[in-house]
Amino acid sequence: QVQLVESGGGLVQPGGSLRLSCAASGSIFRINAMGWYRQAPGKERELVATLTSGGTTNYADSVKGRFTISRDNAKNTVYLQMNNLKPEDTAVYYCNVNSGWRRSNYWGQGTQVTVSS
């Protein structure tokens, strides 16, 4: 089975930075797109950033200019570099992989990001 393991979350001060990692393992023959989502307390899960196999990126307006999504194909890993973090970025962050002709979605276990002074 496909497994996505996330790491890199934690507690940071406003204005600080974190880098989230998501390592994929299993039978992933073709990745159509990868992405990061987040869910804050009392809110719906929202898209943060996506990256297609062709290199196209898309970001939520709230994180544009601060977050960067990237990948390392050799390591089968997707990253989310988060700079100038704000308290409103506090959420559980989930990575996602869309794979194959079936367009199957796979999710990481979630990692907590807390931005607080």
PDB file of N, CA and C in Angstrom:
ATOM      1  N   GLN A   1       0.835  -1.182   0.000  1.00  0.00           N
ATOM      2  CA  GLN A   1       0.000   0.000   0.000  1.00  0.00           C
ATOM      3  C   GLN A   1       0.879   1.244   0.000  1.00  0.00           C
ATOM      4  N   VAL A   2       0.289   2.339  -0.412  1.00  0.00           N
ATOM      5  CA  VAL A   2       0.985   3.618  -0.439  1.00  0.00           C
ATOM      6  C   VAL A   2       0.942   4.232   0.949  1.00  0.00           C
ATOM      7  N   GLN A   3       2.081   4.756   1.381  1.00  0.00           N
ATOM      8  CA  GLN A   3       2.170   5.397   2.682  1.00  0.00           C
ATOM      9  C   GLN A   3       2.857   6.747   2.545  1.00  0.00           C
ATOM     10  N   LEU A   4       2.287   7.766   3.171  1.00  0.00           N
ATOM     11  CA  LEU A   4       2.870   9.094   3.210  1.00  0.00           C
ATOM     12  C   LEU A   4       3.181   9.428   4.662  1.00  0.00           C
ATOM     13  N   VAL A   5       4.445   9.699   4.956  1.00  0.00           N
ATOM     14  CA  VAL A   5       4.878   9.990   6.313  1.00  0.00           C
ATOM     15  C   VAL A   5       5.347  11.435   6.385  1.00  0.00           C
ATOM     16  N   GLU A   6       4.684  12.225   7.227  1.00  0.00           N
ATOM     17  CA  GLU A   6       4.993  13.635   7.369  1.00  0.00           C
ATOM     18  C   GLU A   6       5.912  13.885   8.559  1.00  0.00           C
ATOM     19  N   SER A   7       6.692  14.953   8.462  1.00  0.00           N
ATOM     20  CA  SER A   7       7.539  15.387   9.557  1.00  0.00           C
ATOM     21  C   SER A   7       7.815  16.877   9.412  1.00  0.00           C
ATOM     22  N   GLY A   8       8.327  17.490  10.483  1.00  0.00           N
ATOM     23  CA  GLY A   8       8.759  18.874  10.422  1.00  0.00           C
ATOM     24  C   GLY A   8       7.880  19.883  11.137  1.00  0.00           C
ATOM     25  N   GLY A   9       6.740  19.462  11.641  1.00  0.00           N
ATOM     26  CA  GLY A   9       5.881  20.375  12.363  1.00  0.00           C
ATOM     27  C   GLY A   9       6.451  20.726  13.724  1.00  0.00           C
ATOM     28  N   GLY A  10       5.826  21.706  14.372  1.00  0.00           N
ATOM     29  CA  GLY A  10       6.282  22.113  15.687  1.00  0.00           C
ATOM     30  C   GLY A  10       5.731  23.453  16.089  1.00  0.00           C
ATOM     31  N   LEU A  11       6.315  24.006  17.156  1.00  0.00           N
ATOM     32  CA  LEU A  11       5.925  25.304  17.702  1.00  0.00           C
ATOM     33  C   LEU A  11       6.960  26.348  17.315  1.00  0.00           C
ATOM     34  N   VAL A  12       6.498  27.450  16.722  1.00  0.00           N
ATOM     35  CA  VAL A  12       7.393  28.537  16.329  1.00  0.00           C
ATOM     36  C   VAL A  12       6.791  29.878  16.704  1.00  0.00           C
ATOM     37  N   GLN A  13       7.659  30.885  16.830  1.00  0.00           N
ATOM     38  CA  GLN A  13       7.226  32.248  17.076  1.00  0.00           C
ATOM     39  C   GLN A  13       6.705  32.884  15.796  1.00  0.00           C
ATOM     40  N   PRO A  14       5.798  33.850  15.890  1.00  0.00           N
ATOM     41  CA  PRO A  14       5.406  34.593  14.693  1.00  0.00           C
ATOM     42  C   PRO A  14       6.627  35.156  13.976  1.00  0.00           C
ATOM     43  N   GLY A  15       6.631  35.027  12.656  1.00  0.00           N
ATOM     44  CA  GLY A  15       7.769  35.448  11.862  1.00  0.00           C
ATOM     45  C   GLY A  15       8.801  34.371  11.639  1.00  0.00           C
ATOM     46  N   GLY A  16       8.662  33.252  12.320  1.00  0.00           N
ATOM     47  CA  GLY A  16       9.588  32.152  12.175  1.00  0.00           C
ATOM     48  C   GLY A  16       9.312  31.307  10.950  1.00  0.00           C
ATOM     49  N   SER A  17      10.111  30.254  10.789  1.00  0.00           N
ATOM     50  CA  SER A  17      10.021  29.390   9.618  1.00  0.00           C
ATOM     51  C   SER A  17      10.014  27.924  10.017  1.00  0.00           C
ATOM     52  N   LEU A  18       9.373  27.125   9.198  1.00  0.00           N
ATOM     53  CA  LEU A  18       9.380  25.679   9.318  1.00  0.00           C
ATOM     54  C   LEU A  18       9.408  25.072   7.931  1.00  0.00           C
ATOM     55  N   ARG A  19       9.960  23.875   7.815  1.00  0.00           N
ATOM     56  CA  ARG A  19       9.885  23.122   6.576  1.00  0.00           C
ATOM     57  C   ARG A  19       9.260  21.770   6.852  1.00  0.00           C
ATOM     58  N   LEU A  20       8.141  21.508   6.211  1.00  0.00           N
ATOM     59  CA  LEU A  20       7.459  20.235   6.327  1.00  0.00           C
ATOM     60  C   LEU A  20       7.931  19.294   5.227  1.00  0.00           C
ATOM     61  N   SER A  21       8.056  18.020   5.565  1.00  0.00           N
ATOM     62  CA  SER A  21       8.449  17.003   4.607  1.00  0.00           C
ATOM     63  C   SER A  21       7.400  15.905   4.575  1.00  0.00           C
ATOM     64  N   CYS A  22       7.225  15.312   3.412  1.00  0.00           N
ATOM     65  CA  CYS A  22       6.302  14.198   3.249  1.00  0.00           C
ATOM     66  C   CYS A  22       6.951  13.182   2.335  1.00  0.00           C
ATOM     67  N   ALA A  23       7.341  12.049   2.894  1.00  0.00           N
ATOM     68  CA  ALA A  23       8.005  10.994   2.141  1.00  0.00           C
ATOM     69  C   ALA A  23       7.001   9.919   1.753  1.00  0.00           C
ATOM     70  N   ALA A  24       6.961   9.604   0.471  1.00  0.00           N
ATOM     71  CA  ALA A  24       6.031   8.613  -0.048  1.00  0.00           C
ATOM     72  C   ALA A  24       6.739   7.289  -0.288  1.00  0.00           C
ATOM     73  N   SER A  25       6.054   6.206   0.030  1.00  0.00           N
ATOM     74  CA  SER A  25       6.570   4.872  -0.235  1.00  0.00           C
ATOM     75  C   SER A  25       5.439   3.994  -0.748  1.00  0.00           C
ATOM     76  N   GLY A  26       5.801   2.902  -1.404  1.00  0.00           N
ATOM     77  CA  GLY A  26       4.813   2.006  -1.965  1.00  0.00           C
ATOM     78  C   GLY A  26       4.775   2.082  -3.476  1.00  0.00           C
ATOM     79  N   SER A  27       3.749   1.494  -4.053  1.00  0.00           N
ATOM     80  CA  SER A  27       3.633   1.383  -5.504  1.00  0.00           C
ATOM     81  C   SER A  27       2.984   2.628  -6.096  1.00  0.00           C
ATOM     82  N   ILE A  28       3.802   3.654  -6.279  1.00  0.00           N
ATOM     83  CA  ILE A  28       3.352   4.880  -6.933  1.00  0.00           C
ATOM     84  C   ILE A  28       4.031   4.931  -8.297  1.00  0.00           C
ATOM     85  N   PHE A  29       3.298   4.560  -9.323  1.00  0.00           N
ATOM     86  CA  PHE A  29       3.869   4.483 -10.666  1.00  0.00           C
ATOM     87  C   PHE A  29       3.896   5.825 -11.374  1.00  0.00           C
ATOM     88  N   ARG A  30       2.938   6.655 -11.098  1.00  0.00           N
ATOM     89  CA  ARG A  30       2.888   7.975 -11.694  1.00  0.00           C
ATOM     90  C   ARG A  30       2.195   8.938 -10.740  1.00  0.00           C
ATOM     91  N   ILE A  31       2.849  10.043 -10.472  1.00  0.00           N
ATOM     92  CA  ILE A  31       2.270  11.073  -9.625  1.00  0.00           C
ATOM     93  C   ILE A  31       1.744  12.185 -10.523  1.00  0.00           C
ATOM     94  N   ASN A  32       0.452  12.428 -10.440  1.00  0.00           N
ATOM     95  CA  ASN A  32      -0.164  13.500 -11.214  1.00  0.00           C
ATOM     96  C   ASN A  32       0.053  14.855 -10.551  1.00  0.00           C
ATOM     97  N   ALA A  33      -0.081  14.882  -9.230  1.00  0.00           N
ATOM     98  CA  ALA A  33       0.092  16.115  -8.491  1.00  0.00           C
ATOM     99  C   ALA A  33       0.344  15.797  -7.028  1.00  0.00           C
ATOM    100  N   MET A  34       0.966  16.740  -6.331  1.00  0.00           N
ATOM    101  CA  MET A  34       1.179  16.653  -4.902  1.00  0.00           C
ATOM    102  C   MET A  34       0.694  17.947  -4.281  1.00  0.00           C
ATOM    103  N   GLY A  35       0.318  17.882  -3.023  1.00  0.00           N
ATOM    104  CA  GLY A  35      -0.179  19.093  -2.400  1.00  0.00           C
ATOM    105  C   GLY A  35      -0.136  19.046  -0.891  1.00  0.00           C
ATOM    106  N   TRP A  36      -0.371  20.206  -0.315  1.00  0.00           N
ATOM    107  CA  TRP A  36      -0.477  20.365   1.125  1.00  0.00           C
ATOM    108  C   TRP A  36      -1.812  21.017   1.456  1.00  0.00           C
ATOM    109  N   TYR A  37      -2.463  20.490   2.471  1.00  0.00           N
ATOM    110  CA  TYR A  37      -3.717  21.014   2.975  1.00  0.00           C
ATOM    111  C   TYR A  37      -3.576  21.250   4.466  1.00  0.00           C
ATOM    112  N   ARG A  38      -4.460  22.058   5.025  1.00  0.00           N
ATOM    113  CA  ARG A  38      -4.423  22.287   6.464  1.00  0.00           C
ATOM    114  C   ARG A  38      -5.831  22.437   7.012  1.00  0.00           C
ATOM    115  N   GLN A  39      -5.960  22.127   8.291  1.00  0.00           N
ATOM    116  CA  GLN A  39      -7.233  22.256   8.966  1.00  0.00           C
ATOM    117  C   GLN A  39      -7.006  22.867  10.341  1.00  0.00           C
ATOM    118  N   ALA A  40      -7.554  24.056  10.541  1.00  0.00           N
ATOM    119  CA  ALA A  40      -7.467  24.747  11.812  1.00  0.00           C
ATOM    120  C   ALA A  40      -8.669  24.376  12.675  1.00  0.00           C
ATOM    121  N   PRO A  41      -8.559  24.528  13.996  1.00  0.00           N
ATOM    122  CA  PRO A  41      -9.685  24.207  14.874  1.00  0.00           C
ATOM    123  C   PRO A  41     -10.942  24.971  14.477  1.00  0.00           C
ATOM    124  N   GLY A  42     -12.041  24.251  14.327  1.00  0.00           N
ATOM    125  CA  GLY A  42     -13.306  24.863  13.983  1.00  0.00           C
ATOM    126  C   GLY A  42     -13.469  25.259  12.535  1.00  0.00           C
ATOM    127  N   LYS A  43     -12.498  24.915  11.687  1.00  0.00           N
ATOM    128  CA  LYS A  43     -12.569  25.287  10.283  1.00  0.00           C
ATOM    129  C   LYS A  43     -12.504  24.055   9.381  1.00  0.00           C
ATOM    130  N   GLU A  44     -12.926  24.245   8.133  1.00  0.00           N
ATOM    131  CA  GLU A  44     -12.842  23.189   7.133  1.00  0.00           C
ATOM    132  C   GLU A  44     -11.407  23.036   6.647  1.00  0.00           C
ATOM    133  N   ARG A  45     -11.095  21.838   6.157  1.00  0.00           N
ATOM    134  CA  ARG A  45      -9.784  21.626   5.562  1.00  0.00           C
ATOM    135  C   ARG A  45      -9.673  22.449   4.281  1.00  0.00           C
ATOM    136  N   GLU A  46      -8.544  23.122   4.113  1.00  0.00           N
ATOM    137  CA  GLU A  46      -8.351  23.982   2.957  1.00  0.00           C
ATOM    138  C   GLU A  46      -7.052  23.658   2.241  1.00  0.00           C
ATOM    139  N   LEU A  47      -7.051  23.909   0.948  1.00  0.00           N
ATOM    140  CA  LEU A  47      -5.849  23.729   0.147  1.00  0.00           C
ATOM    141  C   LEU A  47      -4.847  24.829   0.464  1.00  0.00           C
ATOM    142  N   VAL A  48      -3.595  24.440   0.633  1.00  0.00           N
ATOM    143  CA  VAL A  48      -2.518  25.388   0.881  1.00  0.00           C
ATOM    144  C   VAL A  48      -1.679  25.583  -0.374  1.00  0.00           C
ATOM    145  N   ALA A  49      -1.224  24.479  -0.977  1.00  0.00           N
ATOM    146  CA  ALA A  49      -0.371  24.550  -2.155  1.00  0.00           C
ATOM    147  C   ALA A  49      -0.439  23.245  -2.918  1.00  0.00           C
ATOM    148  N   THR A  50      -0.326  23.317  -4.238  1.00  0.00           N
ATOM    149  CA  THR A  50      -0.263  22.129  -5.076  1.00  0.00           C
ATOM    150  C   THR A  50       0.866  22.260  -6.080  1.00  0.00           C
ATOM    151  N   LEU A  51       1.358  21.109  -6.536  1.00  0.00           N
ATOM    152  CA  LEU A  51       2.435  21.045  -7.517  1.00  0.00           C
ATOM    153  C   LEU A  51       2.149  19.884  -8.445  1.00  0.00           C
ATOM    154  N   THR A  52       1.960  20.162  -9.740  1.00  0.00           N
ATOM    155  CA  THR A  52       1.703  19.110 -10.706  1.00  0.00           C
ATOM    156  C   THR A  52       3.009  18.485 -11.168  1.00  0.00           C
ATOM    157  N   SER A  53       2.890  17.327 -11.823  1.00  0.00           N
ATOM    158  CA  SER A  53       4.073  16.662 -12.356  1.00  0.00           C
ATOM    159  C   SER A  53       4.770  17.512 -13.409  1.00  0.00           C
ATOM    160  N   GLY A  54       4.019  18.404 -14.050  1.00  0.00           N
ATOM    161  CA  GLY A  54       4.591  19.301 -15.034  1.00  0.00           C
ATOM    162  C   GLY A  54       5.243  20.541 -14.457  1.00  0.00           C
ATOM    163  N   GLY A  55       5.162  20.709 -13.140  1.00  0.00           N
ATOM    164  CA  GLY A  55       5.833  21.817 -12.484  1.00  0.00           C
ATOM    165  C   GLY A  55       4.969  23.023 -12.191  1.00  0.00           C
ATOM    166  N   THR A  56       3.677  22.942 -12.459  1.00  0.00           N
ATOM    167  CA  THR A  56       2.787  24.054 -12.179  1.00  0.00           C
ATOM    168  C   THR A  56       2.447  24.107 -10.698  1.00  0.00           C
ATOM    169  N   THR A  57       2.557  25.288 -10.104  1.00  0.00           N
ATOM    170  CA  THR A  57       2.236  25.470  -8.693  1.00  0.00           C
ATOM    171  C   THR A  57       0.996  26.327  -8.528  1.00  0.00           C
ATOM    172  N   ASN A  58       0.322  26.116  -7.411  1.00  0.00           N
ATOM    173  CA  ASN A  58      -0.833  26.910  -7.053  1.00  0.00           C
ATOM    174  C   ASN A  58      -0.838  27.080  -5.541  1.00  0.00           C
ATOM    175  N   TYR A  59      -1.115  28.305  -5.079  1.00  0.00           N
ATOM    176  CA  TYR A  59      -1.099  28.604  -3.657  1.00  0.00           C
ATOM    177  C   TYR A  59      -2.379  29.296  -3.237  1.00  0.00           C
ATOM    178  N   ALA A  60      -2.777  29.032  -2.014  1.00  0.00           N
ATOM    179  CA  ALA A  60      -3.850  29.812  -1.422  1.00  0.00           C
ATOM    180  C   ALA A  60      -3.401  31.261  -1.292  1.00  0.00           C
ATOM    181  N   ASP A  61      -4.333  32.187  -1.472  1.00  0.00           N
ATOM    182  CA  ASP A  61      -3.988  33.604  -1.395  1.00  0.00           C
ATOM    183  C   ASP A  61      -3.330  33.965  -0.064  1.00  0.00           C
ATOM    184  N   SER A  62      -3.750  33.310   0.996  1.00  0.00           N
ATOM    185  CA  SER A  62      -3.262  33.640   2.323  1.00  0.00           C
ATOM    186  C   SER A  62      -1.792  33.294   2.544  1.00  0.00           C
ATOM    187  N   VAL A  63      -1.224  32.433   1.690  1.00  0.00           N
ATOM    188  CA  VAL A  63       0.164  32.004   1.881  1.00  0.00           C
ATOM    189  C   VAL A  63       1.078  32.421   0.744  1.00  0.00           C
ATOM    190  N   LYS A  64       0.552  33.050  -0.282  1.00  0.00           N
ATOM    191  CA  LYS A  64       1.374  33.468  -1.419  1.00  0.00           C
ATOM    192  C   LYS A  64       2.489  34.398  -0.962  1.00  0.00           C
ATOM    193  N   GLY A  65       3.689  34.130  -1.451  1.00  0.00           N
ATOM    194  CA  GLY A  65       4.847  34.927  -1.077  1.00  0.00           C
ATOM    195  C   GLY A  65       5.521  34.473   0.189  1.00  0.00           C
ATOM    196  N   ARG A  66       4.887  33.600   0.958  1.00  0.00           N
ATOM    197  CA  ARG A  66       5.459  33.117   2.211  1.00  0.00           C
ATOM    198  C   ARG A  66       5.793  31.629   2.182  1.00  0.00           C
ATOM    199  N   PHE A  67       4.976  30.840   1.485  1.00  0.00           N
ATOM    200  CA  PHE A  67       5.157  29.389   1.430  1.00  0.00           C
ATOM    201  C   PHE A  67       5.652  28.979   0.053  1.00  0.00           C
ATOM    202  N   THR A  68       6.442  27.907   0.002  1.00  0.00           N
ATOM    203  CA  THR A  68       6.929  27.354  -1.250  1.00  0.00           C
ATOM    204  C   THR A  68       6.819  25.840  -1.221  1.00  0.00           C
ATOM    205  N   ILE A  69       6.160  25.277  -2.223  1.00  0.00           N
ATOM    206  CA  ILE A  69       6.073  23.831  -2.348  1.00  0.00           C
ATOM    207  C   ILE A  69       7.131  23.355  -3.337  1.00  0.00           C
ATOM    208  N   SER A  70       7.770  22.238  -3.030  1.00  0.00           N
ATOM    209  CA  SER A  70       8.800  21.692  -3.902  1.00  0.00           C
ATOM    210  C   SER A  70       8.830  20.175  -3.757  1.00  0.00           C
ATOM    211  N   ARG A  71       9.585  19.524  -4.610  1.00  0.00           N
ATOM    212  CA  ARG A  71       9.688  18.072  -4.557  1.00  0.00           C
ATOM    213  C   ARG A  71      11.094  17.617  -4.868  1.00  0.00           C
ATOM    214  N   ASP A  72      11.414  16.423  -4.397  1.00  0.00           N
ATOM    215  CA  ASP A  72      12.658  15.751  -4.726  1.00  0.00           C
ATOM    216  C   ASP A  72      12.255  14.393  -5.284  1.00  0.00           C
ATOM    217  N   ASN A  73      12.275  14.270  -6.595  1.00  0.00           N
ATOM    218  CA  ASN A  73      11.805  13.043  -7.227  1.00  0.00           C
ATOM    219  C   ASN A  73      12.654  11.825  -6.851  1.00  0.00           C
ATOM    220  N   ALA A  74      13.953  12.033  -6.676  1.00  0.00           N
ATOM    221  CA  ALA A  74      14.833  10.926  -6.318  1.00  0.00           C
ATOM    222  C   ALA A  74      14.473  10.347  -4.956  1.00  0.00           C
ATOM    223  N   LYS A  75      14.038  11.211  -4.036  1.00  0.00           N
ATOM    224  CA  LYS A  75      13.661  10.777  -2.696  1.00  0.00           C
ATOM    225  C   LYS A  75      12.168  10.533  -2.552  1.00  0.00           C
ATOM    226  N   ASN A  76      11.412  10.802  -3.623  1.00  0.00           N
ATOM    227  CA  ASN A  76       9.958  10.654  -3.593  1.00  0.00           C
ATOM    228  C   ASN A  76       9.350  11.433  -2.425  1.00  0.00           C
ATOM    229  N   THR A  77       9.787  12.670  -2.291  1.00  0.00           N
ATOM    230  CA  THR A  77       9.418  13.498  -1.157  1.00  0.00           C
ATOM    231  C   THR A  77       8.935  14.868  -1.628  1.00  0.00           C
ATOM    232  N   VAL A  78       7.899  15.374  -0.974  1.00  0.00           N
ATOM    233  CA  VAL A  78       7.402  16.711  -1.232  1.00  0.00           C
ATOM    234  C   VAL A  78       7.619  17.551   0.019  1.00  0.00           C
ATOM    235  N   TYR A  79       7.949  18.829  -0.170  1.00  0.00           N
ATOM    236  CA  TYR A  79       8.259  19.723   0.928  1.00  0.00           C
ATOM    237  C   TYR A  79       7.338  20.936   0.900  1.00  0.00           C
ATOM    238  N   LEU A  80       7.180  21.537   2.054  1.00  0.00           N
ATOM    239  CA  LEU A  80       6.515  22.830   2.159  1.00  0.00           C
ATOM    240  C   LEU A  80       7.374  23.723   3.036  1.00  0.00           C
ATOM    241  N   GLN A  81       8.042  24.688   2.414  1.00  0.00           N
ATOM    242  CA  GLN A  81       8.818  25.675   3.147  1.00  0.00           C
ATOM    243  C   GLN A  81       7.890  26.809   3.557  1.00  0.00           C
ATOM    244  N   MET A  82       7.812  27.072   4.853  1.00  0.00           N
ATOM    245  CA  MET A  82       6.912  28.077   5.384  1.00  0.00           C
ATOM    246  C   MET A  82       7.739  29.157   6.068  1.00  0.00           C
ATOM    247  N   ASN A  83       7.682  30.370   5.523  1.00  0.00           N
ATOM    248  CA  ASN A  83       8.407  31.506   6.067  1.00  0.00           C
ATOM    249  C   ASN A  83       7.434  32.559   6.578  1.00  0.00           C
ATOM    250  N   ASN A  84       7.944  33.428   7.455  1.00  0.00           N
ATOM    251  CA  ASN A  84       7.136  34.506   8.019  1.00  0.00           C
ATOM    252  C   ASN A  84       5.795  33.989   8.530  1.00  0.00           C
ATOM    253  N   LEU A  85       5.858  32.973   9.352  1.00  0.00           N
ATOM    254  CA  LEU A  85       4.643  32.341   9.849  1.00  0.00           C
ATOM    255  C   LEU A  85       3.834  33.286  10.724  1.00  0.00           C
ATOM    256  N   LYS A  86       2.525  33.150  10.621  1.00  0.00           N
ATOM    257  CA  LYS A  86       1.577  33.963  11.362  1.00  0.00           C
ATOM    258  C   LYS A  86       0.717  33.079  12.248  1.00  0.00           C
ATOM    259  N   PRO A  87       0.151  33.636  13.323  1.00  0.00           N
ATOM    260  CA  PRO A  87      -0.720  32.825  14.187  1.00  0.00           C
ATOM    261  C   PRO A  87      -1.850  32.139  13.421  1.00  0.00           C
ATOM    262  N   GLU A  88      -2.374  32.779  12.393  1.00  0.00           N
ATOM    263  CA  GLU A  88      -3.454  32.185  11.618  1.00  0.00           C
ATOM    264  C   GLU A  88      -3.014  31.000  10.768  1.00  0.00           C
ATOM    265  N   ASP A  89      -1.710  30.738  10.705  1.00  0.00           N
ATOM    266  CA  ASP A  89      -1.213  29.541  10.027  1.00  0.00           C
ATOM    267  C   ASP A  89      -1.316  28.302  10.914  1.00  0.00           C
ATOM    268  N   THR A  90      -1.646  28.488  12.174  1.00  0.00           N
ATOM    269  CA  THR A  90      -1.762  27.362  13.099  1.00  0.00           C
ATOM    270  C   THR A  90      -2.822  26.383  12.614  1.00  0.00           C
ATOM    271  N   ALA A  91      -2.423  25.135  12.435  1.00  0.00           N
ATOM    272  CA  ALA A  91      -3.323  24.113  11.912  1.00  0.00           C
ATOM    273  C   ALA A  91      -2.599  22.778  11.891  1.00  0.00           C
ATOM    274  N   VAL A  92      -3.357  21.727  11.618  1.00  0.00           N
ATOM    275  CA  VAL A  92      -2.768  20.442  11.279  1.00  0.00           C
ATOM    276  C   VAL A  92      -2.587  20.416   9.770  1.00  0.00           C
ATOM    277  N   TYR A  93      -1.379  20.126   9.328  1.00  0.00           N
ATOM    278  CA  TYR A  93      -1.057  20.124   7.910  1.00  0.00           C
ATOM    279  C   TYR A  93      -0.987  18.694   7.390  1.00  0.00           C
ATOM    280  N   TYR A  94      -1.625  18.457   6.243  1.00  0.00           N
ATOM    281  CA  TYR A  94      -1.685  17.145   5.631  1.00  0.00           C
ATOM    282  C   TYR A  94      -1.103  17.199   4.220  1.00  0.00           C
ATOM    283  N   CYS A  95      -0.261  16.234   3.879  1.00  0.00           N
ATOM    284  CA  CYS A  95       0.202  16.146   2.503  1.00  0.00           C
ATOM    285  C   CYS A  95      -0.701  15.211   1.720  1.00  0.00           C
ATOM    286  N   ASN A  96      -0.728  15.412   0.411  1.00  0.00           N
ATOM    287  CA  ASN A  96      -1.587  14.647  -0.479  1.00  0.00           C
ATOM    288  C   ASN A  96      -0.849  14.313  -1.759  1.00  0.00           C
ATOM    289  N   VAL A  97      -1.078  13.103  -2.260  1.00  0.00           N
ATOM    290  CA  VAL A  97      -0.546  12.691  -3.552  1.00  0.00           C
ATOM    291  C   VAL A  97      -1.689  12.164  -4.395  1.00  0.00           C
ATOM    292  N   ASN A  98      -1.808  12.681  -5.614  1.00  0.00           N
ATOM    293  CA  ASN A  98      -2.769  12.184  -6.590  1.00  0.00           C
ATOM    294  C   ASN A  98      -1.988  11.375  -7.609  1.00  0.00           C
ATOM    295  N   SER A  99      -2.370  10.102  -7.772  1.00  0.00           N
ATOM    296  CA  SER A  99      -1.526   9.186  -8.522  1.00  0.00           C
ATOM    297  C   SER A  99      -2.294   8.352  -9.528  1.00  0.00           C
ATOM    298  N   GLY A 100      -1.670   8.131 -10.680  1.00  0.00           N
ATOM    299  CA  GLY A 100      -2.122   7.165 -11.658  1.00  0.00           C
ATOM    300  C   GLY A 100      -3.329   7.580 -12.476  1.00  0.00           C
ATOM    301  N   TRP A 101      -3.670   6.700 -13.416  1.00  0.00           N
ATOM    302  CA  TRP A 101      -4.809   6.984 -14.282  1.00  0.00           C
ATOM    303  C   TRP A 101      -6.128   6.977 -13.512  1.00  0.00           C
ATOM    304  N   ARG A 102      -6.168   6.276 -12.378  1.00  0.00           N
ATOM    305  CA  ARG A 102      -7.361   6.257 -11.537  1.00  0.00           C
ATOM    306  C   ARG A 102      -7.509   7.548 -10.740  1.00  0.00           C
ATOM    307  N   ARG A 103      -6.471   8.372 -10.736  1.00  0.00           N
ATOM    308  CA  ARG A 103      -6.460   9.622  -9.966  1.00  0.00           C
ATOM    309  C   ARG A 103      -6.735   9.357  -8.492  1.00  0.00           C
ATOM    310  N   SER A 104      -6.046   8.364  -7.950  1.00  0.00           N
ATOM    311  CA  SER A 104      -6.199   8.003  -6.549  1.00  0.00           C
ATOM    312  C   SER A 104      -5.548   9.046  -5.648  1.00  0.00           C
ATOM    313  N   ASN A 105      -6.186   9.312  -4.527  1.00  0.00           N
ATOM    314  CA  ASN A 105      -5.664  10.260  -3.551  1.00  0.00           C
ATOM    315  C   ASN A 105      -5.156   9.533  -2.316  1.00  0.00           C
ATOM    316  N   TYR A 106      -3.967   9.920  -1.878  1.00  0.00           N
ATOM    317  CA  TYR A 106      -3.360   9.372  -0.682  1.00  0.00           C
ATOM    318  C   TYR A 106      -3.006  10.521   0.254  1.00  0.00           C
ATOM    319  N   TRP A 107      -3.164  10.290   1.556  1.00  0.00           N
ATOM    320  CA  TRP A 107      -2.993  11.345   2.550  1.00  0.00           C
ATOM    321  C   TRP A 107      -1.984  10.966   3.611  1.00  0.00           C
ATOM    322  N   GLY A 108      -1.228  11.962   4.069  1.00  0.00           N
ATOM    323  CA  GLY A 108      -0.355  11.773   5.205  1.00  0.00           C
ATOM    324  C   GLY A 108      -1.142  11.785   6.500  1.00  0.00           C
ATOM    325  N   GLN A 109      -0.448  11.503   7.600  1.00  0.00           N
ATOM    326  CA  GLN A 109      -1.119  11.384   8.898  1.00  0.00           C
ATOM    327  C   GLN A 109      -1.406  12.731   9.546  1.00  0.00           C
ATOM    328  N   GLY A 110      -0.829  13.790   9.026  1.00  0.00           N
ATOM    329  CA  GLY A 110      -0.993  15.113   9.587  1.00  0.00           C
ATOM    330  C   GLY A 110       0.121  15.466  10.550  1.00  0.00           C
ATOM    331  N   THR A 111       0.536  16.725  10.523  1.00  0.00           N
ATOM    332  CA  THR A 111       1.541  17.211  11.462  1.00  0.00           C
ATOM    333  C   THR A 111       1.108  18.581  11.975  1.00  0.00           C
ATOM    334  N   GLN A 112       1.232  18.792  13.277  1.00  0.00           N
ATOM    335  CA  GLN A 112       0.756  20.016  13.914  1.00  0.00           C
ATOM    336  C   GLN A 112       1.758  21.147  13.733  1.00  0.00           C
ATOM    337  N   VAL A 113       1.266  22.290  13.282  1.00  0.00           N
ATOM    338  CA  VAL A 113       2.048  23.519  13.223  1.00  0.00           C
ATOM    339  C   VAL A 113       1.359  24.542  14.114  1.00  0.00           C
ATOM    340  N   THR A 114       2.086  25.045  15.103  1.00  0.00           N
ATOM    341  CA  THR A 114       1.549  26.041  16.015  1.00  0.00           C
ATOM    342  C   THR A 114       2.429  27.280  15.979  1.00  0.00           C
ATOM    343  N   VAL A 115       1.824  28.423  15.695  1.00  0.00           N
ATOM    344  CA  VAL A 115       2.531  29.701  15.639  1.00  0.00           C
ATOM    345  C   VAL A 115       1.999  30.566  16.770  1.00  0.00           C
ATOM    346  N   SER A 116       2.831  30.804  17.763  1.00  0.00           N
ATOM    347  CA  SER A 116       2.390  31.519  18.950  1.00  0.00           C
ATOM    348  C   SER A 116       3.569  32.194  19.634  1.00  0.00           C
ATOM    349  N   SER A 117       3.308  33.345  20.232  1.00  0.00           N
ATOM    350  CA  SER A 117       4.323  34.050  21.003  1.00  0.00           C
ATOM    351  C   SER A 117       4.297  33.645  22.469  1.00  0.00           C
TER     352      SER A 117
END
